Structures are given as structure tokens and as C-alpha cells.
Amino acid sequence: MGVGPVIRAVFLDRDGVLNQAVVREGKPYPPSDASAMRLTDGAGAALARLKALGYLLIVVTNQPDLARGTQLAANMEGIHESLRQQLPLDAFFVCPHDGPDHCACRKPKPGLIQQAQAEYGIELASSYLIGDRWRDIDAARAAAVRSIWIDYGYAERGPSAAPAATVKSLPEAVDWIVSQEGPR
């Protein structure tokens, strides 16, 4: 009985990584709905490169505005449908809670990554997470996934521990992942 292929993933934060965040007073926020959503520069071509290497592309996103009542679930789903139509994404894992809810899925906790790992049989040691906030990078560390931080210089603290790489864009993050690929 042989061993099956290793299932690798790139976990992707949504706002600021796949679509442009709305930045107010140095802090990032999600777009209000699909009509306000704009992809980050080069997102389609960058993700196509990862798909060509055999990675699952899985969105892991905190959406606390659902719990706060400032975002409608239908608007969030509209954004996700627009992203599905434009990008080669395999799945979405969403935390709809706010910090006071003390859930296991809100990043920086690793719950979303662990849910995806259980559902898809992903080998976390062979996977990556690309995020633009400290919560993303800390969640990757908690899940033992290599992290790439897109540092936009937001007016908030940085990650608790250094990411594997710090970059300025999604295409640059993908370049770094590709550079880590050994001979195949």
C-alpha cells in the first residue's frame, strides 16, 4: 500500500490580500459589498502560478462585522462569489465572530486553518499562509504553517514572531513561495 500525494495549500487572508482593503486612519476594513470590491494588483496571475504548482488555494478570513451587525451575510457572500468568479480559489473558511466571543476560529487562533486541514487532508508543514495583518501571521505560527506577511504599514502592531518572509504585494509573496520550491 503506497503513500498518497502530499496535499499542500496556500491559505490566503481575504481583505488586503485578494481584494483591496478600505483603509481609514491607517486601519484596514473590508469593502461594503461586491460592487465596492477590487482585486489587489496581479492577484489572478499570482494565484494561477500557485495552482499550476498544485497548491489548494484556501481563503481563511475573520469577518467580525457580521457579529457587530455592520455587515450583512448576503454582502459577504456576494464578495466571495465575485472572488470565486475571478480567482482560482478552492474554498472559503470564515470566522463570523468578534473578539469578545472567544471562539476557536478567530485569527490569531489557528481554528480556520485546522478546519481546512481536517476537511482536505492538508499537510501543514508543506503549506503557506499569506496575510497582511498580525493576526494572520500569528495564526500561521499557531498552526505550524510558514507565513508571508504583506506589510502595508497599517497603524497597528506587527506579528508576535517574525514571518518566514515580508513582502509588499501578493505577486511578491507568490514569487517567494515559488523560490522555496525544490526540484520536482
N, C-alpha and C. Protein backbone atom coordinates (compact mmCIF):
# COMPACT_ATOMS: atom_id res chain seq x y z
N MET A 1 0.84 -1.17 0.00
CA MET A 1 0.00 0.00 0.00
C MET A 1 0.89 1.24 0.00
N GLY A 2 0.72 2.10 -0.99
CA GLY A 2 1.58 3.27 -1.13
C GLY A 2 1.05 4.47 -0.37
N VAL A 3 1.87 5.45 -0.26
CA VAL A 3 1.50 6.70 0.38
C VAL A 3 0.96 7.62 -0.71
N GLY A 4 -0.16 8.29 -0.43
CA GLY A 4 -0.76 9.20 -1.41
C GLY A 4 0.06 10.46 -1.55
N PRO A 5 -0.33 11.28 -2.52
CA PRO A 5 0.38 12.54 -2.72
C PRO A 5 0.19 13.49 -1.54
N VAL A 6 1.18 14.32 -1.32
CA VAL A 6 1.10 15.33 -0.28
C VAL A 6 0.15 16.43 -0.77
N ILE A 7 -0.80 16.77 0.08
CA ILE A 7 -1.74 17.83 -0.26
C ILE A 7 -1.24 19.11 0.41
N ARG A 8 -0.88 20.07 -0.43
CA ARG A 8 -0.35 21.35 0.04
C ARG A 8 -1.36 22.45 -0.23
N ALA A 9 -1.32 23.46 0.61
CA ALA A 9 -2.23 24.59 0.43
C ALA A 9 -1.50 25.90 0.64
N VAL A 10 -2.05 26.92 0.03
CA VAL A 10 -1.69 28.29 0.39
C VAL A 10 -2.98 28.88 0.96
N PHE A 11 -2.90 29.20 2.25
CA PHE A 11 -4.01 29.85 2.94
C PHE A 11 -3.88 31.35 2.66
N LEU A 12 -5.00 31.97 2.36
CA LEU A 12 -4.99 33.38 1.96
C LEU A 12 -5.99 34.16 2.80
N ASP A 13 -5.51 35.23 3.41
CA ASP A 13 -6.44 36.17 4.01
C ASP A 13 -7.21 36.82 2.86
N ARG A 14 -8.36 37.38 3.14
CA ARG A 14 -9.17 37.98 2.07
C ARG A 14 -8.84 39.46 1.88
N ASP A 15 -9.28 40.29 2.82
CA ASP A 15 -9.15 41.74 2.65
C ASP A 15 -7.70 42.19 2.78
N GLY A 16 -7.18 42.83 1.74
CA GLY A 16 -5.80 43.28 1.73
C GLY A 16 -4.87 42.31 1.01
N VAL A 17 -5.31 41.07 0.82
CA VAL A 17 -4.51 40.07 0.12
C VAL A 17 -5.13 39.79 -1.25
N LEU A 18 -6.39 39.35 -1.26
CA LEU A 18 -7.08 39.07 -2.53
C LEU A 18 -7.77 40.31 -3.08
N ASN A 19 -8.45 41.00 -2.20
CA ASN A 19 -9.11 42.26 -2.60
C ASN A 19 -8.52 43.41 -1.79
N GLN A 20 -8.61 44.58 -2.36
CA GLN A 20 -8.06 45.76 -1.70
C GLN A 20 -8.86 46.04 -0.43
N ALA A 21 -8.16 46.30 0.64
CA ALA A 21 -8.81 46.73 1.88
C ALA A 21 -9.16 48.20 1.75
N VAL A 22 -10.18 48.61 2.45
CA VAL A 22 -10.54 50.02 2.56
C VAL A 22 -9.79 50.53 3.78
N VAL A 23 -8.84 51.43 3.58
CA VAL A 23 -8.01 51.90 4.69
C VAL A 23 -8.52 53.26 5.16
N ARG A 24 -8.86 53.30 6.45
CA ARG A 24 -9.30 54.54 7.09
C ARG A 24 -8.46 54.75 8.33
N GLU A 25 -7.83 55.94 8.42
CA GLU A 25 -6.98 56.28 9.56
C GLU A 25 -5.93 55.21 9.82
N GLY A 26 -5.38 54.66 8.74
CA GLY A 26 -4.30 53.69 8.84
C GLY A 26 -4.72 52.27 9.16
N LYS A 27 -6.03 52.03 9.26
CA LYS A 27 -6.53 50.68 9.60
C LYS A 27 -7.34 50.13 8.43
N PRO A 28 -7.17 48.82 8.15
CA PRO A 28 -7.87 48.20 7.02
C PRO A 28 -9.27 47.70 7.39
N TYR A 29 -10.18 47.85 6.44
CA TYR A 29 -11.56 47.38 6.60
C TYR A 29 -11.98 46.68 5.30
N PRO A 30 -13.01 45.82 5.39
CA PRO A 30 -13.47 45.16 4.17
C PRO A 30 -14.31 46.10 3.31
N PRO A 31 -14.44 45.78 2.01
CA PRO A 31 -15.36 46.55 1.19
C PRO A 31 -16.79 46.29 1.65
N SER A 32 -17.69 47.20 1.36
CA SER A 32 -19.07 47.07 1.83
C SER A 32 -19.84 45.96 1.12
N ASP A 33 -19.53 45.75 -0.15
CA ASP A 33 -20.23 44.71 -0.92
C ASP A 33 -19.43 44.42 -2.19
N ALA A 34 -19.95 43.52 -3.01
CA ALA A 34 -19.22 43.09 -4.22
C ALA A 34 -18.97 44.23 -5.19
N SER A 35 -19.90 45.20 -5.26
CA SER A 35 -19.71 46.30 -6.20
C SER A 35 -18.55 47.20 -5.80
N ALA A 36 -18.21 47.22 -4.49
CA ALA A 36 -17.10 48.04 -3.99
C ALA A 36 -15.78 47.26 -3.94
N MET A 37 -15.84 45.96 -4.22
CA MET A 37 -14.65 45.10 -4.11
C MET A 37 -13.78 45.21 -5.36
N ARG A 38 -12.48 45.40 -5.13
CA ARG A 38 -11.49 45.44 -6.21
C ARG A 38 -10.38 44.47 -5.87
N LEU A 39 -9.97 43.67 -6.84
CA LEU A 39 -8.86 42.74 -6.62
C LEU A 39 -7.57 43.52 -6.39
N THR A 40 -6.67 42.93 -5.63
CA THR A 40 -5.35 43.51 -5.50
C THR A 40 -4.61 43.32 -6.82
N ASP A 41 -3.67 44.18 -7.10
CA ASP A 41 -2.93 44.13 -8.36
C ASP A 41 -2.25 42.77 -8.54
N GLY A 42 -2.47 42.16 -9.70
CA GLY A 42 -1.79 40.92 -10.05
C GLY A 42 -2.32 39.68 -9.38
N ALA A 43 -3.46 39.76 -8.68
CA ALA A 43 -3.97 38.61 -7.92
C ALA A 43 -4.25 37.41 -8.82
N GLY A 44 -4.90 37.61 -9.94
CA GLY A 44 -5.26 36.49 -10.81
C GLY A 44 -4.05 35.72 -11.32
N ALA A 45 -3.08 36.43 -11.85
CA ALA A 45 -1.88 35.78 -12.39
C ALA A 45 -1.08 35.11 -11.27
N ALA A 46 -1.00 35.76 -10.11
CA ALA A 46 -0.23 35.19 -9.00
C ALA A 46 -0.85 33.87 -8.54
N LEU A 47 -2.17 33.85 -8.36
CA LEU A 47 -2.82 32.63 -7.90
C LEU A 47 -2.78 31.53 -8.96
N ALA A 48 -2.82 31.90 -10.22
CA ALA A 48 -2.69 30.90 -11.30
C ALA A 48 -1.34 30.19 -11.21
N ARG A 49 -0.30 30.91 -10.84
CA ARG A 49 1.02 30.29 -10.67
C ARG A 49 1.00 29.24 -9.56
N LEU A 50 0.32 29.57 -8.45
CA LEU A 50 0.25 28.62 -7.34
C LEU A 50 -0.57 27.39 -7.72
N LYS A 51 -1.66 27.59 -8.45
CA LYS A 51 -2.48 26.45 -8.90
C LYS A 51 -1.67 25.55 -9.81
N ALA A 52 -0.85 26.14 -10.67
CA ALA A 52 -0.01 25.36 -11.59
C ALA A 52 1.00 24.50 -10.83
N LEU A 53 1.36 24.91 -9.62
CA LEU A 53 2.28 24.13 -8.78
C LEU A 53 1.54 23.09 -7.94
N GLY A 54 0.22 23.05 -8.05
CA GLY A 54 -0.56 22.03 -7.35
C GLY A 54 -1.07 22.41 -5.97
N TYR A 55 -0.99 23.67 -5.61
CA TYR A 55 -1.48 24.09 -4.29
C TYR A 55 -3.00 24.25 -4.30
N LEU A 56 -3.64 23.84 -3.20
CA LEU A 56 -5.01 24.25 -2.94
C LEU A 56 -4.95 25.71 -2.51
N LEU A 57 -5.91 26.50 -2.91
CA LEU A 57 -5.96 27.92 -2.53
C LEU A 57 -7.19 28.11 -1.65
N ILE A 58 -6.93 28.35 -0.37
CA ILE A 58 -7.99 28.37 0.63
C ILE A 58 -8.00 29.71 1.36
N VAL A 59 -9.16 30.38 1.31
CA VAL A 59 -9.33 31.65 1.99
C VAL A 59 -9.68 31.38 3.45
N VAL A 60 -8.95 32.04 4.35
CA VAL A 60 -9.24 31.99 5.79
C VAL A 60 -9.39 33.44 6.24
N THR A 61 -10.61 33.82 6.61
CA THR A 61 -10.88 35.23 6.85
C THR A 61 -11.72 35.47 8.09
N ASN A 62 -11.29 36.43 8.90
CA ASN A 62 -12.11 36.94 10.00
C ASN A 62 -13.08 37.95 9.41
N GLN A 63 -14.34 37.83 9.75
CA GLN A 63 -15.33 38.82 9.32
C GLN A 63 -16.17 39.24 10.53
N PRO A 64 -15.53 39.95 11.49
CA PRO A 64 -16.22 40.32 12.72
C PRO A 64 -17.37 41.30 12.50
N ASP A 65 -17.40 41.97 11.35
CA ASP A 65 -18.50 42.90 11.10
C ASP A 65 -19.84 42.18 11.04
N LEU A 66 -19.83 40.87 10.78
CA LEU A 66 -21.07 40.09 10.84
C LEU A 66 -21.61 40.08 12.26
N ALA A 67 -20.76 39.78 13.23
CA ALA A 67 -21.17 39.75 14.63
C ALA A 67 -21.53 41.14 15.13
N ARG A 68 -20.85 42.14 14.61
CA ARG A 68 -21.10 43.52 15.05
C ARG A 68 -22.37 44.10 14.43
N GLY A 69 -22.90 43.43 13.40
CA GLY A 69 -24.09 43.92 12.74
C GLY A 69 -23.84 45.04 11.74
N THR A 70 -22.57 45.24 11.36
CA THR A 70 -22.24 46.31 10.40
C THR A 70 -22.02 45.76 9.00
N GLN A 71 -22.18 44.45 8.82
CA GLN A 71 -22.05 43.81 7.50
C GLN A 71 -23.14 42.74 7.42
N LEU A 72 -23.79 42.67 6.28
CA LEU A 72 -24.80 41.65 6.05
C LEU A 72 -24.14 40.40 5.48
N ALA A 73 -24.61 39.24 5.91
CA ALA A 73 -24.08 37.98 5.39
C ALA A 73 -24.22 37.92 3.87
N ALA A 74 -25.31 38.45 3.33
CA ALA A 74 -25.53 38.44 1.88
C ALA A 74 -24.46 39.26 1.17
N ASN A 75 -24.03 40.38 1.76
CA ASN A 75 -22.97 41.19 1.14
C ASN A 75 -21.64 40.45 1.18
N MET A 76 -21.35 39.78 2.30
CA MET A 76 -20.12 39.00 2.39
C MET A 76 -20.13 37.88 1.34
N GLU A 77 -21.24 37.18 1.23
CA GLU A 77 -21.35 36.11 0.24
C GLU A 77 -21.22 36.65 -1.19
N GLY A 78 -21.72 37.84 -1.43
CA GLY A 78 -21.56 38.46 -2.74
C GLY A 78 -20.10 38.73 -3.07
N ILE A 79 -19.35 39.18 -2.07
CA ILE A 79 -17.91 39.40 -2.25
C ILE A 79 -17.24 38.06 -2.55
N HIS A 80 -17.60 37.03 -1.81
CA HIS A 80 -16.99 35.72 -2.02
C HIS A 80 -17.33 35.17 -3.39
N GLU A 81 -18.56 35.35 -3.84
CA GLU A 81 -18.94 34.87 -5.17
C GLU A 81 -18.15 35.61 -6.25
N SER A 82 -17.97 36.90 -6.09
CA SER A 82 -17.19 37.67 -7.05
C SER A 82 -15.74 37.18 -7.08
N LEU A 83 -15.17 36.91 -5.91
CA LEU A 83 -13.80 36.38 -5.84
C LEU A 83 -13.72 35.01 -6.51
N ARG A 84 -14.72 34.14 -6.27
CA ARG A 84 -14.74 32.80 -6.91
C ARG A 84 -14.76 32.91 -8.43
N GLN A 85 -15.50 33.88 -8.93
CA GLN A 85 -15.61 34.05 -10.39
C GLN A 85 -14.32 34.56 -11.01
N GLN A 86 -13.55 35.33 -10.25
CA GLN A 86 -12.35 35.97 -10.80
C GLN A 86 -11.04 35.25 -10.49
N LEU A 87 -11.05 34.41 -9.45
CA LEU A 87 -9.81 33.79 -8.98
C LEU A 87 -9.98 32.28 -8.84
N PRO A 88 -8.90 31.51 -8.99
CA PRO A 88 -8.99 30.04 -8.89
C PRO A 88 -8.94 29.54 -7.44
N LEU A 89 -9.94 29.93 -6.65
CA LEU A 89 -9.98 29.59 -5.23
C LEU A 89 -10.70 28.27 -5.02
N ASP A 90 -10.24 27.48 -4.05
CA ASP A 90 -10.83 26.18 -3.77
C ASP A 90 -11.85 26.20 -2.65
N ALA A 91 -11.69 27.06 -1.65
CA ALA A 91 -12.62 27.05 -0.52
C ALA A 91 -12.48 28.34 0.28
N PHE A 92 -13.54 28.63 1.04
CA PHE A 92 -13.57 29.75 1.97
C PHE A 92 -13.88 29.22 3.36
N PHE A 93 -13.10 29.65 4.35
CA PHE A 93 -13.38 29.36 5.75
C PHE A 93 -13.47 30.72 6.45
N VAL A 94 -14.62 30.98 7.06
CA VAL A 94 -14.92 32.30 7.61
C VAL A 94 -15.18 32.21 9.10
N CYS A 95 -14.58 33.11 9.86
CA CYS A 95 -14.93 33.31 11.26
C CYS A 95 -15.86 34.51 11.32
N PRO A 96 -17.14 34.30 11.69
CA PRO A 96 -18.09 35.40 11.76
C PRO A 96 -18.15 36.07 13.14
N HIS A 97 -17.23 35.72 14.02
CA HIS A 97 -17.28 36.18 15.41
C HIS A 97 -16.45 37.44 15.63
N ASP A 98 -16.69 38.07 16.76
CA ASP A 98 -15.90 39.21 17.20
C ASP A 98 -15.02 38.75 18.36
N GLY A 99 -14.03 39.52 18.72
CA GLY A 99 -13.10 39.16 19.78
C GLY A 99 -13.75 38.72 21.08
N PRO A 100 -14.76 39.45 21.59
CA PRO A 100 -15.39 39.05 22.86
C PRO A 100 -16.09 37.69 22.81
N ASP A 101 -16.31 37.14 21.63
CA ASP A 101 -16.97 35.83 21.51
C ASP A 101 -16.06 34.69 21.97
N HIS A 102 -14.75 34.92 21.98
CA HIS A 102 -13.77 33.92 22.43
C HIS A 102 -13.94 32.58 21.71
N CYS A 103 -14.10 32.62 20.41
CA CYS A 103 -14.25 31.40 19.60
C CYS A 103 -12.88 30.80 19.31
N ALA A 104 -12.87 29.62 18.75
CA ALA A 104 -11.62 28.94 18.39
C ALA A 104 -11.20 29.25 16.96
N CYS A 105 -12.09 29.93 16.20
CA CYS A 105 -11.78 30.13 14.78
C CYS A 105 -11.23 31.52 14.45
N ARG A 106 -11.38 32.49 15.32
CA ARG A 106 -10.93 33.85 15.01
C ARG A 106 -9.40 33.92 15.07
N LYS A 107 -8.80 34.30 13.94
CA LYS A 107 -7.36 34.50 13.95
C LYS A 107 -7.03 35.60 14.95
N PRO A 108 -6.03 35.43 15.80
CA PRO A 108 -4.81 34.66 15.62
C PRO A 108 -4.89 33.20 16.05
N LYS A 109 -6.04 32.73 16.48
CA LYS A 109 -6.16 31.30 16.78
C LYS A 109 -6.12 30.53 15.46
N PRO A 110 -5.68 29.29 15.47
CA PRO A 110 -5.50 28.53 14.23
C PRO A 110 -6.72 27.76 13.75
N GLY A 111 -7.89 28.00 14.35
CA GLY A 111 -9.07 27.19 14.07
C GLY A 111 -9.46 27.08 12.61
N LEU A 112 -9.44 28.18 11.85
CA LEU A 112 -9.82 28.13 10.43
C LEU A 112 -8.86 27.25 9.64
N ILE A 113 -7.58 27.39 9.91
CA ILE A 113 -6.55 26.59 9.23
C ILE A 113 -6.75 25.11 9.58
N GLN A 114 -7.01 24.84 10.84
CA GLN A 114 -7.21 23.46 11.28
C GLN A 114 -8.47 22.84 10.68
N GLN A 115 -9.53 23.64 10.54
CA GLN A 115 -10.75 23.15 9.88
C GLN A 115 -10.46 22.75 8.44
N ALA A 116 -9.75 23.60 7.72
CA ALA A 116 -9.40 23.31 6.33
C ALA A 116 -8.50 22.09 6.25
N GLN A 117 -7.54 21.99 7.16
CA GLN A 117 -6.63 20.84 7.18
C GLN A 117 -7.41 19.55 7.36
N ALA A 118 -8.36 19.53 8.28
CA ALA A 118 -9.16 18.34 8.54
C ALA A 118 -10.03 17.98 7.34
N GLU A 119 -10.61 18.98 6.70
CA GLU A 119 -11.52 18.73 5.58
C GLU A 119 -10.79 18.25 4.33
N TYR A 120 -9.60 18.78 4.08
CA TYR A 120 -8.89 18.48 2.84
C TYR A 120 -7.68 17.57 3.00
N GLY A 121 -7.31 17.23 4.23
CA GLY A 121 -6.13 16.39 4.44
C GLY A 121 -4.83 17.08 4.10
N ILE A 122 -4.75 18.35 4.39
CA ILE A 122 -3.60 19.19 4.03
C ILE A 122 -2.42 18.90 4.97
N GLU A 123 -1.24 18.81 4.39
CA GLU A 123 -0.01 18.71 5.17
C GLU A 123 0.45 20.12 5.49
N LEU A 124 0.25 20.53 6.74
CA LEU A 124 0.53 21.91 7.13
C LEU A 124 2.01 22.27 6.98
N ALA A 125 2.90 21.35 7.24
CA ALA A 125 4.34 21.63 7.15
C ALA A 125 4.77 21.96 5.72
N SER A 126 3.95 21.58 4.74
CA SER A 126 4.26 21.86 3.33
C SER A 126 3.42 23.00 2.78
N SER A 127 2.78 23.73 3.67
CA SER A 127 1.84 24.77 3.26
C SER A 127 2.29 26.15 3.71
N TYR A 128 1.60 27.17 3.21
CA TYR A 128 1.92 28.57 3.49
C TYR A 128 0.65 29.34 3.82
N LEU A 129 0.82 30.48 4.47
CA LEU A 129 -0.27 31.43 4.66
C LEU A 129 0.24 32.80 4.24
N ILE A 130 -0.57 33.50 3.45
CA ILE A 130 -0.26 34.87 3.05
C ILE A 130 -1.29 35.79 3.71
N GLY A 131 -0.80 36.74 4.51
CA GLY A 131 -1.68 37.67 5.20
C GLY A 131 -1.08 39.05 5.29
N ASP A 132 -1.94 40.01 5.62
CA ASP A 132 -1.48 41.40 5.70
C ASP A 132 -1.62 41.99 7.10
N ARG A 133 -2.00 41.14 8.08
CA ARG A 133 -2.16 41.64 9.44
C ARG A 133 -1.50 40.69 10.43
N TRP A 134 -1.20 41.21 11.61
CA TRP A 134 -0.53 40.40 12.63
C TRP A 134 -1.32 39.15 12.96
N ARG A 135 -2.65 39.23 12.96
CA ARG A 135 -3.49 38.07 13.29
C ARG A 135 -3.24 36.91 12.33
N ASP A 136 -3.03 37.22 11.07
CA ASP A 136 -2.78 36.18 10.07
C ASP A 136 -1.48 35.45 10.36
N ILE A 137 -0.44 36.23 10.61
CA ILE A 137 0.89 35.66 10.81
C ILE A 137 0.93 34.86 12.11
N ASP A 138 0.28 35.37 13.15
CA ASP A 138 0.23 34.64 14.42
C ASP A 138 -0.58 33.36 14.30
N ALA A 139 -1.65 33.37 13.50
CA ALA A 139 -2.43 32.14 13.27
C ALA A 139 -1.60 31.10 12.53
N ALA A 140 -0.83 31.55 11.55
CA ALA A 140 0.02 30.62 10.80
C ALA A 140 1.03 29.96 11.75
N ARG A 141 1.62 30.76 12.61
CA ARG A 141 2.59 30.20 13.57
C ARG A 141 1.92 29.18 14.48
N ALA A 142 0.72 29.50 14.96
CA ALA A 142 0.00 28.59 15.86
C ALA A 142 -0.36 27.28 15.17
N ALA A 143 -0.51 27.32 13.86
CA ALA A 143 -0.86 26.12 13.08
C ALA A 143 0.37 25.45 12.48
N ALA A 144 1.57 25.98 12.73
CA ALA A 144 2.81 25.44 12.17
C ALA A 144 2.82 25.48 10.64
N VAL A 145 2.38 26.63 10.11
CA VAL A 145 2.39 26.89 8.67
C VAL A 145 3.35 28.04 8.42
N ARG A 146 4.14 27.97 7.35
CA ARG A 146 5.04 29.08 7.01
C ARG A 146 4.21 30.29 6.57
N SER A 147 4.62 31.46 7.04
CA SER A 147 3.83 32.67 6.78
C SER A 147 4.60 33.68 5.95
N ILE A 148 3.83 34.38 5.12
CA ILE A 148 4.35 35.50 4.34
C ILE A 148 3.48 36.70 4.68
N TRP A 149 4.12 37.76 5.18
CA TRP A 149 3.41 38.95 5.60
C TRP A 149 3.52 40.01 4.52
N ILE A 150 2.37 40.44 4.01
CA ILE A 150 2.33 41.61 3.12
C ILE A 150 2.22 42.82 4.05
N ASP A 151 3.30 43.54 4.18
CA ASP A 151 3.37 44.66 5.12
C ASP A 151 3.00 45.96 4.42
N TYR A 152 1.77 46.40 4.67
CA TYR A 152 1.29 47.66 4.09
C TYR A 152 1.53 48.84 5.03
N GLY A 153 2.14 48.60 6.18
CA GLY A 153 2.40 49.69 7.12
C GLY A 153 1.16 50.19 7.83
N TYR A 154 0.20 49.30 8.09
CA TYR A 154 -1.00 49.69 8.81
C TYR A 154 -0.64 50.26 10.18
N ALA A 155 -1.54 51.07 10.72
CA ALA A 155 -1.34 51.67 12.04
C ALA A 155 -1.81 50.68 13.11
N GLU A 156 -1.10 49.57 13.21
CA GLU A 156 -1.37 48.55 14.22
C GLU A 156 -0.09 47.78 14.48
N ARG A 157 -0.10 46.99 15.50
CA ARG A 157 1.10 46.25 15.86
C ARG A 157 1.43 45.21 14.79
N GLY A 158 2.67 44.76 14.82
CA GLY A 158 3.10 43.72 13.92
C GLY A 158 2.91 42.34 14.54
N PRO A 159 3.31 41.31 13.80
CA PRO A 159 3.19 39.94 14.31
C PRO A 159 4.02 39.71 15.57
N SER A 160 3.60 38.72 16.38
CA SER A 160 4.32 38.37 17.61
C SER A 160 5.69 37.77 17.31
N ALA A 161 5.79 37.04 16.21
CA ALA A 161 7.05 36.43 15.79
C ALA A 161 7.28 36.76 14.31
N ALA A 162 8.51 36.75 13.91
CA ALA A 162 8.85 37.09 12.53
C ALA A 162 8.23 36.08 11.55
N PRO A 163 7.65 36.57 10.46
CA PRO A 163 7.17 35.66 9.42
C PRO A 163 8.35 35.07 8.66
N ALA A 164 8.08 34.05 7.87
CA ALA A 164 9.14 33.46 7.03
C ALA A 164 9.63 34.48 6.00
N ALA A 165 8.73 35.36 5.55
CA ALA A 165 9.10 36.40 4.58
C ALA A 165 8.19 37.60 4.78
N THR A 166 8.71 38.78 4.49
CA THR A 166 7.93 40.02 4.48
C THR A 166 8.03 40.61 3.10
N VAL A 167 6.88 40.93 2.51
CA VAL A 167 6.82 41.40 1.13
C VAL A 167 5.89 42.61 1.05
N LYS A 168 5.73 43.16 -0.15
CA LYS A 168 4.89 44.33 -0.35
C LYS A 168 3.64 44.07 -1.19
N SER A 169 3.47 42.82 -1.71
CA SER A 169 2.32 42.54 -2.58
C SER A 169 2.07 41.04 -2.67
N LEU A 170 0.89 40.67 -3.13
CA LEU A 170 0.58 39.26 -3.35
C LEU A 170 1.50 38.65 -4.41
N PRO A 171 1.73 39.29 -5.56
CA PRO A 171 2.67 38.69 -6.51
C PRO A 171 4.07 38.47 -5.92
N GLU A 172 4.53 39.39 -5.08
CA GLU A 172 5.84 39.22 -4.45
C GLU A 172 5.81 38.04 -3.47
N ALA A 173 4.70 37.85 -2.77
CA ALA A 173 4.56 36.70 -1.87
C ALA A 173 4.62 35.40 -2.67
N VAL A 174 3.94 35.37 -3.81
CA VAL A 174 3.96 34.16 -4.65
C VAL A 174 5.37 33.93 -5.20
N ASP A 175 6.06 34.98 -5.59
CA ASP A 175 7.46 34.83 -6.04
C ASP A 175 8.29 34.15 -4.95
N TRP A 176 8.07 34.56 -3.69
CA TRP A 176 8.84 33.97 -2.60
C TRP A 176 8.50 32.48 -2.43
N ILE A 177 7.22 32.14 -2.49
CA ILE A 177 6.84 30.72 -2.39
C ILE A 177 7.46 29.93 -3.51
N VAL A 178 7.39 30.42 -4.72
CA VAL A 178 7.97 29.72 -5.88
C VAL A 178 9.48 29.53 -5.67
N SER A 179 10.14 30.52 -5.08
CA SER A 179 11.58 30.42 -4.83
C SER A 179 11.91 29.32 -3.82
N GLN A 180 10.94 28.93 -3.00
CA GLN A 180 11.14 27.90 -1.99
C GLN A 180 10.94 26.49 -2.55
N GLU A 181 10.36 26.40 -3.73
CA GLU A 181 10.10 25.11 -4.35
C GLU A 181 11.41 24.45 -4.72
N GLY A 182 11.60 23.25 -4.28
CA GLY A 182 12.79 22.49 -4.67
C GLY A 182 12.58 21.86 -6.02
N PRO A 183 13.56 21.11 -6.51
CA PRO A 183 13.40 20.42 -7.77
C PRO A 183 12.22 19.45 -7.67
N ARG A 184 11.45 19.36 -8.72
CA ARG A 184 10.27 18.49 -8.71
C ARG A 184 10.45 17.34 -9.65
